[in-house]
């Protein structure tokens, strides 16, 4: 059950990005475009979370290690999102590469920290 709660944070970030990125118009074409962007963004931003869920369940990791890995990926996602959204430079969008490249490192550090604190 805790897998599902950890997979909802990317949904919240994607909802904020979808709503804040477009001028809201209450018609079907805006809603259709928002749903399309929502699906693409969720697949992109939640892929490290889904990969960690698959790895931790396949290797039957302890709950502490699993939650630690999720928490570090959440922290990385929020930091990169703030870095990109608060910057006015167009090149700040390249910060998302840090998210995808840093996710395995964050998962490993979080899993080790979660395993240490759970024991």
PDB file of N, CA and C in Angstrom:
ATOM      1  N   UNK A   1       0.812  -1.193   0.000  1.00  0.00           N
ATOM      2  CA  UNK A   1       0.000   0.000   0.000  1.00  0.00           C
ATOM      3  C   UNK A   1       0.860   1.263   0.000  1.00  0.00           C
ATOM      4  N   UNK A   2       2.011   1.197   0.652  1.00  0.00           N
ATOM      5  CA  UNK A   2       2.840   2.400   0.698  1.00  0.00           C
ATOM      6  C   UNK A   2       3.462   2.703  -0.657  1.00  0.00           C
ATOM      7  N   UNK A   3       3.476   1.740  -1.581  1.00  0.00           N
ATOM      8  CA  UNK A   3       3.935   2.028  -2.932  1.00  0.00           C
ATOM      9  C   UNK A   3       3.011   3.054  -3.585  1.00  0.00           C
ATOM     10  N   UNK A   4       1.719   2.869  -3.417  1.00  0.00           N
ATOM     11  CA  UNK A   4       0.768   3.786  -4.049  1.00  0.00           C
ATOM     12  C   UNK A   4       0.867   5.197  -3.487  1.00  0.00           C
ATOM     13  N   UNK A   5       1.115   5.310  -2.199  1.00  0.00           N
ATOM     14  CA  UNK A   5       1.231   6.656  -1.635  1.00  0.00           C
ATOM     15  C   UNK A   5       2.475   7.360  -2.147  1.00  0.00           C
ATOM     16  N   UNK A   6       3.533   6.605  -2.387  1.00  0.00           N
ATOM     17  CA  UNK A   6       4.752   7.235  -2.898  1.00  0.00           C
ATOM     18  C   UNK A   6       4.665   7.529  -4.393  1.00  0.00           C
ATOM     19  N   UNK A   7       3.769   6.886  -5.094  1.00  0.00           N
ATOM     20  CA  UNK A   7       3.619   7.158  -6.518  1.00  0.00           C
ATOM     21  C   UNK A   7       2.650   8.307  -6.790  1.00  0.00           C
ATOM     22  N   UNK A   8       2.067   8.892  -5.738  1.00  0.00           N
ATOM     23  CA  UNK A   8       1.170  10.031  -5.936  1.00  0.00           C
ATOM     24  C   UNK A   8       1.898  11.367  -5.968  1.00  0.00           C
ATOM     25  N   UNK A   9       3.080  11.455  -5.400  1.00  0.00           N
ATOM     26  CA  UNK A   9       3.802  12.737  -5.423  1.00  0.00           C
ATOM     27  C   UNK A   9       4.114  13.208  -6.840  1.00  0.00           C
ATOM     28  N   UNK A  10       4.558  12.330  -7.758  1.00  0.00           N
ATOM     29  CA  UNK A  10       4.738  12.832  -9.127  1.00  0.00           C
ATOM     30  C   UNK A  10       3.442  13.335  -9.753  1.00  0.00           C
ATOM     31  N   UNK A  11       2.303  12.776  -9.351  1.00  0.00           N
ATOM     32  CA  UNK A  11       1.025  13.270  -9.874  1.00  0.00           C
ATOM     33  C   UNK A  11       0.790  14.703  -9.414  1.00  0.00           C
ATOM     34  N   UNK A  12       1.099  14.994  -8.169  1.00  0.00           N
ATOM     35  CA  UNK A  12       0.911  16.349  -7.647  1.00  0.00           C
ATOM     36  C   UNK A  12       1.818  17.337  -8.375  1.00  0.00           C
ATOM     37  N   UNK A  13       3.076  16.962  -8.571  1.00  0.00           N
ATOM     38  CA  UNK A  13       4.015  17.844  -9.283  1.00  0.00           C
ATOM     39  C   UNK A  13       3.562  18.061 -10.722  1.00  0.00           C
ATOM     40  N   UNK A  14       3.105  17.013 -11.379  1.00  0.00           N
ATOM     41  CA  UNK A  14       2.654  17.138 -12.768  1.00  0.00           C
ATOM     42  C   UNK A  14       1.386  17.988 -12.850  1.00  0.00           C
ATOM     43  N   UNK A  15       0.478  17.842 -11.904  1.00  0.00           N
ATOM     44  CA  UNK A  15      -0.720  18.692 -11.904  1.00  0.00           C
ATOM     45  C   UNK A  15      -0.349  20.166 -11.777  1.00  0.00           C
ATOM     46  N   UNK A  16       0.571  20.470 -10.885  1.00  0.00           N
ATOM     47  CA  UNK A  16       0.998  21.862 -10.718  1.00  0.00           C
ATOM     48  C   UNK A  16       1.669  22.373 -11.991  1.00  0.00           C
ATOM     49  N   UNK A  17       2.514  21.544 -12.600  1.00  0.00           N
ATOM     50  CA  UNK A  17       3.190  21.963 -13.834  1.00  0.00           C
ATOM     51  C   UNK A  17       2.203  22.138 -14.975  1.00  0.00           C
ATOM     52  N   UNK A  18       1.207  21.269 -15.077  1.00  0.00           N
ATOM     53  CA  UNK A  18       0.232  21.356 -16.161  1.00  0.00           C
ATOM     54  C   UNK A  18      -0.642  22.587 -16.021  1.00  0.00           C
ATOM     55  N   UNK A  19      -1.109  22.845 -14.817  1.00  0.00           N
ATOM     56  CA  UNK A  19      -2.003  23.983 -14.612  1.00  0.00           C
ATOM     57  C   UNK A  19      -1.246  25.303 -14.703  1.00  0.00           C
ATOM     58  N   UNK A  20      -0.039  25.355 -14.161  1.00  0.00           N
ATOM     59  CA  UNK A  20       0.693  26.621 -14.175  1.00  0.00           C
ATOM     60  C   UNK A  20       1.327  26.921 -15.523  1.00  0.00           C
ATOM     61  N   UNK A  21       1.489  25.934 -16.377  1.00  0.00           N
ATOM     62  CA  UNK A  21       2.150  26.142 -17.655  1.00  0.00           C
ATOM     63  C   UNK A  21       1.253  26.724 -18.723  1.00  0.00           C
ATOM     64  N   UNK A  22      -0.040  26.580 -18.588  1.00  0.00           N
ATOM     65  CA  UNK A  22      -0.973  27.032 -19.615  1.00  0.00           C
ATOM     66  C   UNK A  22      -1.952  28.042 -19.038  1.00  0.00           C
ATOM     67  N   UNK A  23      -2.422  28.906 -19.913  1.00  0.00           N
ATOM     68  CA  UNK A  23      -3.505  29.797 -19.525  1.00  0.00           C
ATOM     69  C   UNK A  23      -4.788  28.964 -19.505  1.00  0.00           C
ATOM     70  N   UNK A  24      -5.483  28.992 -18.390  1.00  0.00           N
ATOM     71  CA  UNK A  24      -6.662  28.139 -18.231  1.00  0.00           C
ATOM     72  C   UNK A  24      -7.832  28.730 -18.996  1.00  0.00           C
ATOM     73  N   UNK A  25      -8.359  27.931 -19.892  1.00  0.00           N
ATOM     74  CA  UNK A  25      -9.588  28.263 -20.605  1.00  0.00           C
ATOM     75  C   UNK A  25     -10.539  27.100 -20.387  1.00  0.00           C
ATOM     76  N   UNK A  26     -11.737  27.406 -20.021  1.00  0.00           N
ATOM     77  CA  UNK A  26     -12.688  26.353 -19.697  1.00  0.00           C
ATOM     78  C   UNK A  26     -13.417  25.884 -20.950  1.00  0.00           C
ATOM     79  N   UNK A  27     -12.694  25.147 -21.788  1.00  0.00           N
ATOM     80  CA  UNK A  27     -13.308  24.531 -22.958  1.00  0.00           C
ATOM     81  C   UNK A  27     -12.671  23.163 -23.183  1.00  0.00           C
ATOM     82  N   UNK A  28     -13.221  22.424 -24.100  1.00  0.00           N
ATOM     83  CA  UNK A  28     -12.780  21.051 -24.338  1.00  0.00           C
ATOM     84  C   UNK A  28     -11.379  20.996 -24.928  1.00  0.00           C
ATOM     85  N   UNK A  29     -11.020  21.910 -25.803  1.00  0.00           N
ATOM     86  CA  UNK A  29      -9.698  21.849 -26.430  1.00  0.00           C
ATOM     87  C   UNK A  29      -8.588  22.082 -25.405  1.00  0.00           C
ATOM     88  N   UNK A  30      -8.780  23.009 -24.447  1.00  0.00           N
ATOM     89  CA  UNK A  30      -7.774  23.213 -23.404  1.00  0.00           C
ATOM     90  C   UNK A  30      -7.674  21.978 -22.521  1.00  0.00           C
ATOM     91  N   UNK A  31      -8.821  21.408 -22.166  1.00  0.00           N
ATOM     92  CA  UNK A  31      -8.823  20.217 -21.322  1.00  0.00           C
ATOM     93  C   UNK A  31      -8.136  19.051 -22.020  1.00  0.00           C
ATOM     94  N   UNK A  32      -8.389  18.880 -23.310  1.00  0.00           N
ATOM     95  CA  UNK A  32      -7.755  17.815 -24.079  1.00  0.00           C
ATOM     96  C   UNK A  32      -6.243  18.012 -24.145  1.00  0.00           C
ATOM     97  N   UNK A  33      -5.803  19.221 -24.359  1.00  0.00           N
ATOM     98  CA  UNK A  33      -4.370  19.516 -24.394  1.00  0.00           C
ATOM     99  C   UNK A  33      -3.722  19.319 -23.022  1.00  0.00           C
ATOM    100  N   UNK A  34      -4.420  19.712 -21.970  1.00  0.00           N
ATOM    101  CA  UNK A  34      -3.889  19.542 -20.611  1.00  0.00           C
ATOM    102  C   UNK A  34      -3.764  18.068 -20.255  1.00  0.00           C
ATOM    103  N   UNK A  35      -4.734  17.264 -20.636  1.00  0.00           N
ATOM    104  CA  UNK A  35      -4.677  15.817 -20.359  1.00  0.00           C
ATOM    105  C   UNK A  35      -3.535  15.181 -21.133  1.00  0.00           C
ATOM    106  N   UNK A  36      -3.331  15.615 -22.365  1.00  0.00           N
ATOM    107  CA  UNK A  36      -2.237  15.063 -23.166  1.00  0.00           C
ATOM    108  C   UNK A  36      -0.883  15.393 -22.539  1.00  0.00           C
ATOM    109  N   UNK A  37      -0.703  16.645 -22.120  1.00  0.00           N
ATOM    110  CA  UNK A  37       0.554  17.029 -21.470  1.00  0.00           C
ATOM    111  C   UNK A  37       0.713  16.336 -20.121  1.00  0.00           C
ATOM    112  N   UNK A  38      -0.398  16.147 -19.409  1.00  0.00           N
ATOM    113  CA  UNK A  38      -0.355  15.478 -18.118  1.00  0.00           C
ATOM    114  C   UNK A  38       0.174  14.052 -18.262  1.00  0.00           C
ATOM    115  N   UNK A  39      -0.303  13.325 -19.259  1.00  0.00           N
ATOM    116  CA  UNK A  39       0.137  11.939 -19.450  1.00  0.00           C
ATOM    117  C   UNK A  39       1.625  11.872 -19.778  1.00  0.00           C
ATOM    118  N   UNK A  40       2.086  12.731 -20.672  1.00  0.00           N
ATOM    119  CA  UNK A  40       3.508  12.720 -21.033  1.00  0.00           C
ATOM    120  C   UNK A  40       4.391  13.103 -19.850  1.00  0.00           C
ATOM    121  N   UNK A  41       3.990  14.130 -19.125  1.00  0.00           N
ATOM    122  CA  UNK A  41       4.788  14.563 -17.983  1.00  0.00           C
ATOM    123  C   UNK A  41       4.815  13.507 -16.881  1.00  0.00           C
ATOM    124  N   UNK A  42       3.666  12.856 -16.649  1.00  0.00           N
ATOM    125  CA  UNK A  42       3.645  11.836 -15.597  1.00  0.00           C
ATOM    126  C   UNK A  42       4.542  10.659 -15.962  1.00  0.00           C
ATOM    127  N   UNK A  43       4.490  10.226 -17.191  1.00  0.00           N
ATOM    128  CA  UNK A  43       5.345   9.109 -17.611  1.00  0.00           C
ATOM    129  C   UNK A  43       6.813   9.488 -17.460  1.00  0.00           C
ATOM    130  N   UNK A  44       7.155  10.709 -17.813  1.00  0.00           N
ATOM    131  CA  UNK A  44       8.551  11.133 -17.720  1.00  0.00           C
ATOM    132  C   UNK A  44       9.009  11.298 -16.274  1.00  0.00           C
ATOM    133  N   UNK A  45       8.207  11.974 -15.456  1.00  0.00           N
ATOM    134  CA  UNK A  45       8.655  12.285 -14.103  1.00  0.00           C
ATOM    135  C   UNK A  45       8.483  11.140 -13.116  1.00  0.00           C
ATOM    136  N   UNK A  46       7.564  10.235 -13.382  1.00  0.00           N
ATOM    137  CA  UNK A  46       7.346   9.131 -12.452  1.00  0.00           C
ATOM    138  C   UNK A  46       8.125   7.878 -12.829  1.00  0.00           C
ATOM    139  N   UNK A  47       8.835   7.902 -13.934  1.00  0.00           N
ATOM    140  CA  UNK A  47       9.564   6.690 -14.333  1.00  0.00           C
ATOM    141  C   UNK A  47      10.611   6.258 -13.308  1.00  0.00           C
ATOM    142  N   UNK A  48      11.391   7.166 -12.683  1.00  0.00           N
ATOM    143  CA  UNK A  48      12.301   6.684 -11.628  1.00  0.00           C
ATOM    144  C   UNK A  48      11.567   6.079 -10.434  1.00  0.00           C
ATOM    145  N   UNK A  49      10.399   6.609 -10.112  1.00  0.00           N
ATOM    146  CA  UNK A  49       9.614   6.058  -9.006  1.00  0.00           C
ATOM    147  C   UNK A  49       9.133   4.640  -9.337  1.00  0.00           C
ATOM    148  N   UNK A  50       8.641   4.453 -10.560  1.00  0.00           N
ATOM    149  CA  UNK A  50       8.167   3.128 -10.965  1.00  0.00           C
ATOM    150  C   UNK A  50       9.323   2.140 -11.057  1.00  0.00           C
ATOM    151  N   UNK A  51      10.469   2.602 -11.519  1.00  0.00           N
ATOM    152  CA  UNK A  51      11.636   1.723 -11.590  1.00  0.00           C
ATOM    153  C   UNK A  51      12.059   1.304 -10.188  1.00  0.00           C
ATOM    154  N   UNK A  52      12.068   2.249  -9.253  1.00  0.00           N
ATOM    155  CA  UNK A  52      12.432   1.898  -7.878  1.00  0.00           C
ATOM    156  C   UNK A  52      11.404   0.944  -7.262  1.00  0.00           C
ATOM    157  N   UNK A  53      10.127   1.144  -7.559  1.00  0.00           N
ATOM    158  CA  UNK A  53       9.106   0.232  -7.051  1.00  0.00           C
ATOM    159  C   UNK A  53       9.317  -1.180  -7.600  1.00  0.00           C
ATOM    160  N   UNK A  54       9.663  -1.286  -8.881  1.00  0.00           N
ATOM    161  CA  UNK A  54       9.900  -2.603  -9.481  1.00  0.00           C
ATOM    162  C   UNK A  54      11.144  -3.262  -8.900  1.00  0.00           C
ATOM    163  N   UNK A  55      12.207  -2.497  -8.753  1.00  0.00           N
ATOM    164  CA  UNK A  55      13.458  -3.066  -8.229  1.00  0.00           C
ATOM    165  C   UNK A  55      13.282  -3.503  -6.776  1.00  0.00           C
ATOM    166  N   UNK A  56      12.675  -2.655  -5.965  1.00  0.00           N
ATOM    167  CA  UNK A  56      12.541  -2.991  -4.542  1.00  0.00           C
ATOM    168  C   UNK A  56      11.585  -4.149  -4.317  1.00  0.00           C
ATOM    169  N   UNK A  57      10.562  -4.279  -5.147  1.00  0.00           N
ATOM    170  CA  UNK A  57       9.659  -5.421  -4.972  1.00  0.00           C
ATOM    171  C   UNK A  57      10.266  -6.696  -5.537  1.00  0.00           C
ATOM    172  N   UNK A  58      11.029  -6.604  -6.606  1.00  0.00           N
ATOM    173  CA  UNK A  58      11.647  -7.798  -7.188  1.00  0.00           C
ATOM    174  C   UNK A  58      12.684  -8.401  -6.240  1.00  0.00           C
ATOM    175  N   UNK A  59      13.504  -7.551  -5.642  1.00  0.00           N
ATOM    176  CA  UNK A  59      14.529  -8.036  -4.729  1.00  0.00           C
ATOM    177  C   UNK A  59      14.048  -8.129  -3.287  1.00  0.00           C
ATOM    178  N   UNK A  60      12.765  -7.892  -3.056  1.00  0.00           N
ATOM    179  CA  UNK A  60      12.140  -7.981  -1.738  1.00  0.00           C
ATOM    180  C   UNK A  60      12.911  -7.171  -0.693  1.00  0.00           C
ATOM    181  N   UNK A  61      13.106  -5.909  -1.015  1.00  0.00           N
ATOM    182  CA  UNK A  61      13.824  -5.009  -0.111  1.00  0.00           C
ATOM    183  C   UNK A  61      12.975  -4.751   1.128  1.00  0.00           C
ATOM    184  N   UNK A  62      13.634  -4.414   2.212  1.00  0.00           N
ATOM    185  CA  UNK A  62      12.909  -4.123   3.449  1.00  0.00           C
ATOM    186  C   UNK A  62      12.101  -2.836   3.277  1.00  0.00           C
ATOM    187  N   UNK A  63      11.134  -2.677   4.170  1.00  0.00           N
ATOM    188  CA  UNK A  63      10.286  -1.496   4.074  1.00  0.00           C
ATOM    189  C   UNK A  63      11.096  -0.221   4.307  1.00  0.00           C
ATOM    190  N   UNK A  64      12.056  -0.274   5.217  1.00  0.00           N
ATOM    191  CA  UNK A  64      12.885   0.903   5.474  1.00  0.00           C
ATOM    192  C   UNK A  64      13.705   1.306   4.259  1.00  0.00           C
ATOM    193  N   UNK A  65      14.286   0.333   3.577  1.00  0.00           N
ATOM    194  CA  UNK A  65      15.080   0.630   2.382  1.00  0.00           C
ATOM    195  C   UNK A  65      14.198   1.141   1.254  1.00  0.00           C
ATOM    196  N   UNK A  66      13.019   0.557   1.112  1.00  0.00           N
ATOM    197  CA  UNK A  66      12.114   0.990   0.049  1.00  0.00           C
ATOM    198  C   UNK A  66      11.640   2.417   0.277  1.00  0.00           C
ATOM    199  N   UNK A  67      11.214   2.711   1.480  1.00  0.00           N
ATOM    200  CA  UNK A  67      10.733   4.058   1.790  1.00  0.00           C
ATOM    201  C   UNK A  67      11.871   5.067   1.711  1.00  0.00           C
ATOM    202  N   UNK A  68      13.065   4.684   2.147  1.00  0.00           N
ATOM    203  CA  UNK A  68      14.210   5.580   2.031  1.00  0.00           C
ATOM    204  C   UNK A  68      14.534   5.923   0.590  1.00  0.00           C
ATOM    205  N   UNK A  69      14.483   4.931  -0.292  1.00  0.00           N
ATOM    206  CA  UNK A  69      14.714   5.184  -1.717  1.00  0.00           C
ATOM    207  C   UNK A  69      13.670   6.103  -2.312  1.00  0.00           C
ATOM    208  N   UNK A  70      12.402   5.856  -1.947  1.00  0.00           N
ATOM    209  CA  UNK A  70      11.332   6.728  -2.439  1.00  0.00           C
ATOM    210  C   UNK A  70      11.502   8.154  -1.927  1.00  0.00           C
ATOM    211  N   UNK A  71      11.829   8.306  -0.654  1.00  0.00           N
ATOM    212  CA  UNK A  71      11.954   9.657  -0.078  1.00  0.00           C
ATOM    213  C   UNK A  71      13.084  10.447  -0.735  1.00  0.00           C
ATOM    214  N   UNK A  72      14.188   9.788  -1.039  1.00  0.00           N
ATOM    215  CA  UNK A  72      15.288  10.502  -1.695  1.00  0.00           C
ATOM    216  C   UNK A  72      14.930  10.884  -3.135  1.00  0.00           C
ATOM    217  N   UNK A  73      14.190  10.030  -3.833  1.00  0.00           N
ATOM    218  CA  UNK A  73      13.770  10.392  -5.193  1.00  0.00           C
ATOM    219  C   UNK A  73      12.756  11.532  -5.129  1.00  0.00           C
ATOM    220  N   UNK A  74      11.878  11.531  -4.118  1.00  0.00           N
ATOM    221  CA  UNK A  74      10.942  12.648  -3.937  1.00  0.00           C
ATOM    222  C   UNK A  74      11.697  13.950  -3.691  1.00  0.00           C
ATOM    223  N   UNK A  75      12.692  13.886  -2.825  1.00  0.00           N
ATOM    224  CA  UNK A  75      13.483  15.070  -2.512  1.00  0.00           C
ATOM    225  C   UNK A  75      14.211  15.588  -3.754  1.00  0.00           C
ATOM    226  N   UNK A  76      14.762  14.685  -4.532  1.00  0.00           N
ATOM    227  CA  UNK A  76      15.436  15.085  -5.765  1.00  0.00           C
ATOM    228  C   UNK A  76      14.452  15.702  -6.747  1.00  0.00           C
ATOM    229  N   UNK A  77      13.267  15.108  -6.868  1.00  0.00           N
ATOM    230  CA  UNK A  77      12.242  15.644  -7.767  1.00  0.00           C
ATOM    231  C   UNK A  77      11.834  17.049  -7.345  1.00  0.00           C
ATOM    232  N   UNK A  78      11.612  17.264  -6.069  1.00  0.00           N
ATOM    233  CA  UNK A  78      11.203  18.590  -5.608  1.00  0.00           C
ATOM    234  C   UNK A  78      12.322  19.619  -5.773  1.00  0.00           C
ATOM    235  N   UNK A  79      13.552  19.227  -5.515  1.00  0.00           N
ATOM    236  CA  UNK A  79      14.678  20.161  -5.681  1.00  0.00           C
ATOM    237  C   UNK A  79      14.870  20.568  -7.135  1.00  0.00           C
ATOM    238  N   UNK A  80      14.824  19.604  -8.029  1.00  0.00           N
ATOM    239  CA  UNK A  80      14.989  19.918  -9.457  1.00  0.00           C
ATOM    240  C   UNK A  80      13.806  20.734  -9.960  1.00  0.00           C
ATOM    241  N   UNK A  81      12.610  20.407  -9.511  1.00  0.00           N
ATOM    242  CA  UNK A  81      11.431  21.165  -9.930  1.00  0.00           C
ATOM    243  C   UNK A  81      11.544  22.611  -9.477  1.00  0.00           C
ATOM    244  N   UNK A  82      11.973  22.838  -8.237  1.00  0.00           N
ATOM    245  CA  UNK A  82      12.159  24.206  -7.768  1.00  0.00           C
ATOM    246  C   UNK A  82      13.275  24.908  -8.528  1.00  0.00           C
ATOM    247  N   UNK A  83      14.354  24.192  -8.807  1.00  0.00           N
ATOM    248  CA  UNK A  83      15.456  24.769  -9.568  1.00  0.00           C
ATOM    249  C   UNK A  83      14.990  25.234 -10.941  1.00  0.00           C
ATOM    250  N   UNK A  84      14.213  24.420 -11.614  1.00  0.00           N
ATOM    251  CA  UNK A  84      13.761  24.750 -12.969  1.00  0.00           C
ATOM    252  C   UNK A  84      12.675  25.818 -12.937  1.00  0.00           C
ATOM    253  N   UNK A  85      11.725  25.712 -12.002  1.00  0.00           N
ATOM    254  CA  UNK A  85      10.599  26.643 -12.018  1.00  0.00           C
ATOM    255  C   UNK A  85      10.969  28.035 -11.522  1.00  0.00           C
ATOM    256  N   UNK A  86      11.946  28.160 -10.651  1.00  0.00           N
ATOM    257  CA  UNK A  86      12.313  29.475 -10.122  1.00  0.00           C
ATOM    258  C   UNK A  86      13.350  30.201 -10.965  1.00  0.00           C
ATOM    259  N   UNK A  87      13.941  29.513 -11.922  1.00  0.00           N
ATOM    260  CA  UNK A  87      14.950  30.144 -12.759  1.00  0.00           C
ATOM    261  C   UNK A  87      14.298  30.792 -13.968  1.00  0.00           C
ATOM    262  N   UNK A  88      14.821  31.920 -14.373  1.00  0.00           N
ATOM    263  CA  UNK A  88      14.292  32.614 -15.548  1.00  0.00           C
ATOM    264  C   UNK A  88      15.118  32.342 -16.802  1.00  0.00           C
ATOM    265  N   UNK A  89      16.190  31.598 -16.654  1.00  0.00           N
ATOM    266  CA  UNK A  89      17.067  31.286 -17.778  1.00  0.00           C
ATOM    267  C   UNK A  89      16.493  30.080 -18.530  1.00  0.00           C
ATOM    268  N   UNK A  90      16.403  30.137 -19.862  1.00  0.00           N
ATOM    269  CA  UNK A  90      15.854  29.000 -20.608  1.00  0.00           C
ATOM    270  C   UNK A  90      16.669  27.714 -20.460  1.00  0.00           C
ATOM    271  N   UNK A  91      17.964  27.857 -20.197  1.00  0.00           N
ATOM    272  CA  UNK A  91      18.807  26.678 -20.065  1.00  0.00           C
ATOM    273  C   UNK A  91      18.547  25.916 -18.769  1.00  0.00           C
ATOM    274  N   UNK A  92      17.745  26.467 -17.874  1.00  0.00           N
ATOM    275  CA  UNK A  92      17.443  25.790 -16.609  1.00  0.00           C
ATOM    276  C   UNK A  92      16.635  24.521 -16.833  1.00  0.00           C
ATOM    277  N   UNK A  93      15.976  24.419 -17.974  1.00  0.00           N
ATOM    278  CA  UNK A  93      15.219  23.201 -18.278  1.00  0.00           C
ATOM    279  C   UNK A  93      16.131  21.989 -18.399  1.00  0.00           C
ATOM    280  N   UNK A  94      17.417  22.231 -18.632  1.00  0.00           N
ATOM    281  CA  UNK A  94      18.369  21.117 -18.676  1.00  0.00           C
ATOM    282  C   UNK A  94      18.565  20.492 -17.304  1.00  0.00           C
ATOM    283  N   UNK A  95      18.050  21.113 -16.273  1.00  0.00           N
ATOM    284  CA  UNK A  95      18.120  20.555 -14.937  1.00  0.00           C
ATOM    285  C   UNK A  95      17.383  19.236 -14.808  1.00  0.00           C
ATOM    286  N   UNK A  96      16.425  18.983 -15.707  1.00  0.00           N
ATOM    287  CA  UNK A  96      15.710  17.705 -15.658  1.00  0.00           C
ATOM    288  C   UNK A  96      16.632  16.542 -15.981  1.00  0.00           C
ATOM    289  N   UNK A  97      17.720  16.808 -16.717  1.00  0.00           N
ATOM    290  CA  UNK A  97      18.700  15.744 -16.938  1.00  0.00           C
ATOM    291  C   UNK A  97      19.349  15.326 -15.622  1.00  0.00           C
ATOM    292  N   UNK A  98      19.542  16.295 -14.724  1.00  0.00           N
ATOM    293  CA  UNK A  98      20.073  15.964 -13.400  1.00  0.00           C
ATOM    294  C   UNK A  98      19.134  15.034 -12.648  1.00  0.00           C
ATOM    295  N   UNK A  99      17.835  15.216 -12.848  1.00  0.00           N
ATOM    296  CA  UNK A  99      16.858  14.351 -12.190  1.00  0.00           C
ATOM    297  C   UNK A  99      16.997  12.912 -12.676  1.00  0.00           C
ATOM    298  N   UNK A 100      17.087  12.744 -13.981  1.00  0.00           N
ATOM    299  CA  UNK A 100      17.169  11.383 -14.523  1.00  0.00           C
ATOM    300  C   UNK A 100      18.528  10.748 -14.275  1.00  0.00           C
ATOM    301  N   UNK A 101      19.585  11.542 -14.300  1.00  0.00           N
ATOM    302  CA  UNK A 101      20.909  10.986 -14.030  1.00  0.00           C
ATOM    303  C   UNK A 101      21.166  10.791 -12.535  1.00  0.00           C
ATOM    304  N   UNK A 102      20.555  11.613 -11.709  1.00  0.00           N
ATOM    305  CA  UNK A 102      20.777  11.515 -10.273  1.00  0.00           C
ATOM    306  C   UNK A 102      19.838  10.576  -9.545  1.00  0.00           C
ATOM    307  N   UNK A 103      18.792  10.125 -10.218  1.00  0.00           N
ATOM    308  CA  UNK A 103      17.825   9.241  -9.561  1.00  0.00           C
ATOM    309  C   UNK A 103      18.433   7.936  -9.061  1.00  0.00           C
ATOM    310  N   UNK A 104      19.245   7.228  -9.838  1.00  0.00           N
ATOM    311  CA  UNK A 104      19.835   5.993  -9.292  1.00  0.00           C
ATOM    312  C   UNK A 104      20.728   6.242  -8.084  1.00  0.00           C
ATOM    313  N   UNK A 105      21.452   7.340  -8.100  1.00  0.00           N
ATOM    314  CA  UNK A 105      22.308   7.671  -6.961  1.00  0.00           C
ATOM    315  C   UNK A 105      21.451   8.001  -5.740  1.00  0.00           C
ATOM    316  N   UNK A 106      20.389   8.772  -5.957  1.00  0.00           N
ATOM    317  CA  UNK A 106      19.500   9.126  -4.853  1.00  0.00           C
ATOM    318  C   UNK A 106      18.800   7.892  -4.291  1.00  0.00           C
ATOM    319  N   UNK A 107      18.397   6.973  -5.150  1.00  0.00           N
ATOM    320  CA  UNK A 107      17.756   5.740  -4.686  1.00  0.00           C
ATOM    321  C   UNK A 107      18.704   4.927  -3.821  1.00  0.00           C
ATOM    322  N   UNK A 108      19.955   4.827  -4.258  1.00  0.00           N
ATOM    323  CA  UNK A 108      20.936   4.049  -3.507  1.00  0.00           C
ATOM    324  C   UNK A 108      21.215   4.672  -2.150  1.00  0.00           C
ATOM    325  N   UNK A 109      21.428   5.978  -2.122  1.00  0.00           N
ATOM    326  CA  UNK A 109      21.683   6.669  -0.857  1.00  0.00           C
ATOM    327  C   UNK A 109      20.468   6.552   0.063  1.00  0.00           C
ATOM    328  N   UNK A 110      19.271   6.739  -0.496  1.00  0.00           N
ATOM    329  CA  UNK A 110      18.055   6.629   0.312  1.00  0.00           C
ATOM    330  C   UNK A 110      17.831   5.227   0.846  1.00  0.00           C
ATOM    331  N   UNK A 111      18.113   4.226   0.034  1.00  0.00           N
ATOM    332  CA  UNK A 111      17.923   2.845   0.480  1.00  0.00           C
ATOM    333  C   UNK A 111      18.898   2.510   1.601  1.00  0.00           C
ATOM    334  N   UNK A 112      20.136   2.955   1.466  1.00  0.00           N
ATOM    335  CA  UNK A 112      21.113   2.695   2.520  1.00  0.00           C
ATOM    336  C   UNK A 112      20.755   3.441   3.809  1.00  0.00           C
ATOM    337  N   UNK A 113      20.330   4.685   3.661  1.00  0.00           N
ATOM    338  CA  UNK A 113      19.942   5.464   4.848  1.00  0.00           C
ATOM    339  C   UNK A 113      18.681   4.889   5.491  1.00  0.00           C
ATOM    340  N   UNK A 114      17.710   4.490   4.674  1.00  0.00           N
ATOM    341  CA  UNK A 114      16.484   3.908   5.211  1.00  0.00           C
ATOM    342  C   UNK A 114      16.746   2.580   5.906  1.00  0.00           C
ATOM    343  N   UNK A 115      17.630   1.780   5.337  1.00  0.00           N
ATOM    344  CA  UNK A 115      17.981   0.495   5.964  1.00  0.00           C
ATOM    345  C   UNK A 115      18.699   0.733   7.287  1.00  0.00           C
ATOM    346  N   UNK A 116      19.564   1.748   7.320  1.00  0.00           N
ATOM    347  CA  UNK A 116      20.306   2.054   8.536  1.00  0.00           C
ATOM    348  C   UNK A 116      19.373   2.560   9.643  1.00  0.00           C
ATOM    349  N   UNK A 117      18.465   3.473   9.294  1.00  0.00           N
ATOM    350  CA  UNK A 117      17.585   4.039  10.312  1.00  0.00           C
ATOM    351  C   UNK A 117      16.481   3.067  10.745  1.00  0.00           C
ATOM    352  N   UNK A 118      16.122   2.119   9.884  1.00  0.00           N
ATOM    353  CA  UNK A 118      15.092   1.144  10.254  1.00  0.00           C
ATOM    354  C   UNK A 118      15.609   0.084  11.204  1.00  0.00           C
ATOM    355  N   UNK A 119      16.913  -0.152  11.182  1.00  0.00           N
ATOM    356  CA  UNK A 119      17.464  -1.209  12.049  1.00  0.00           C
ATOM    357  C   UNK A 119      17.872  -0.706  13.408  1.00  0.00           C
TER     358      UNK A 119
END
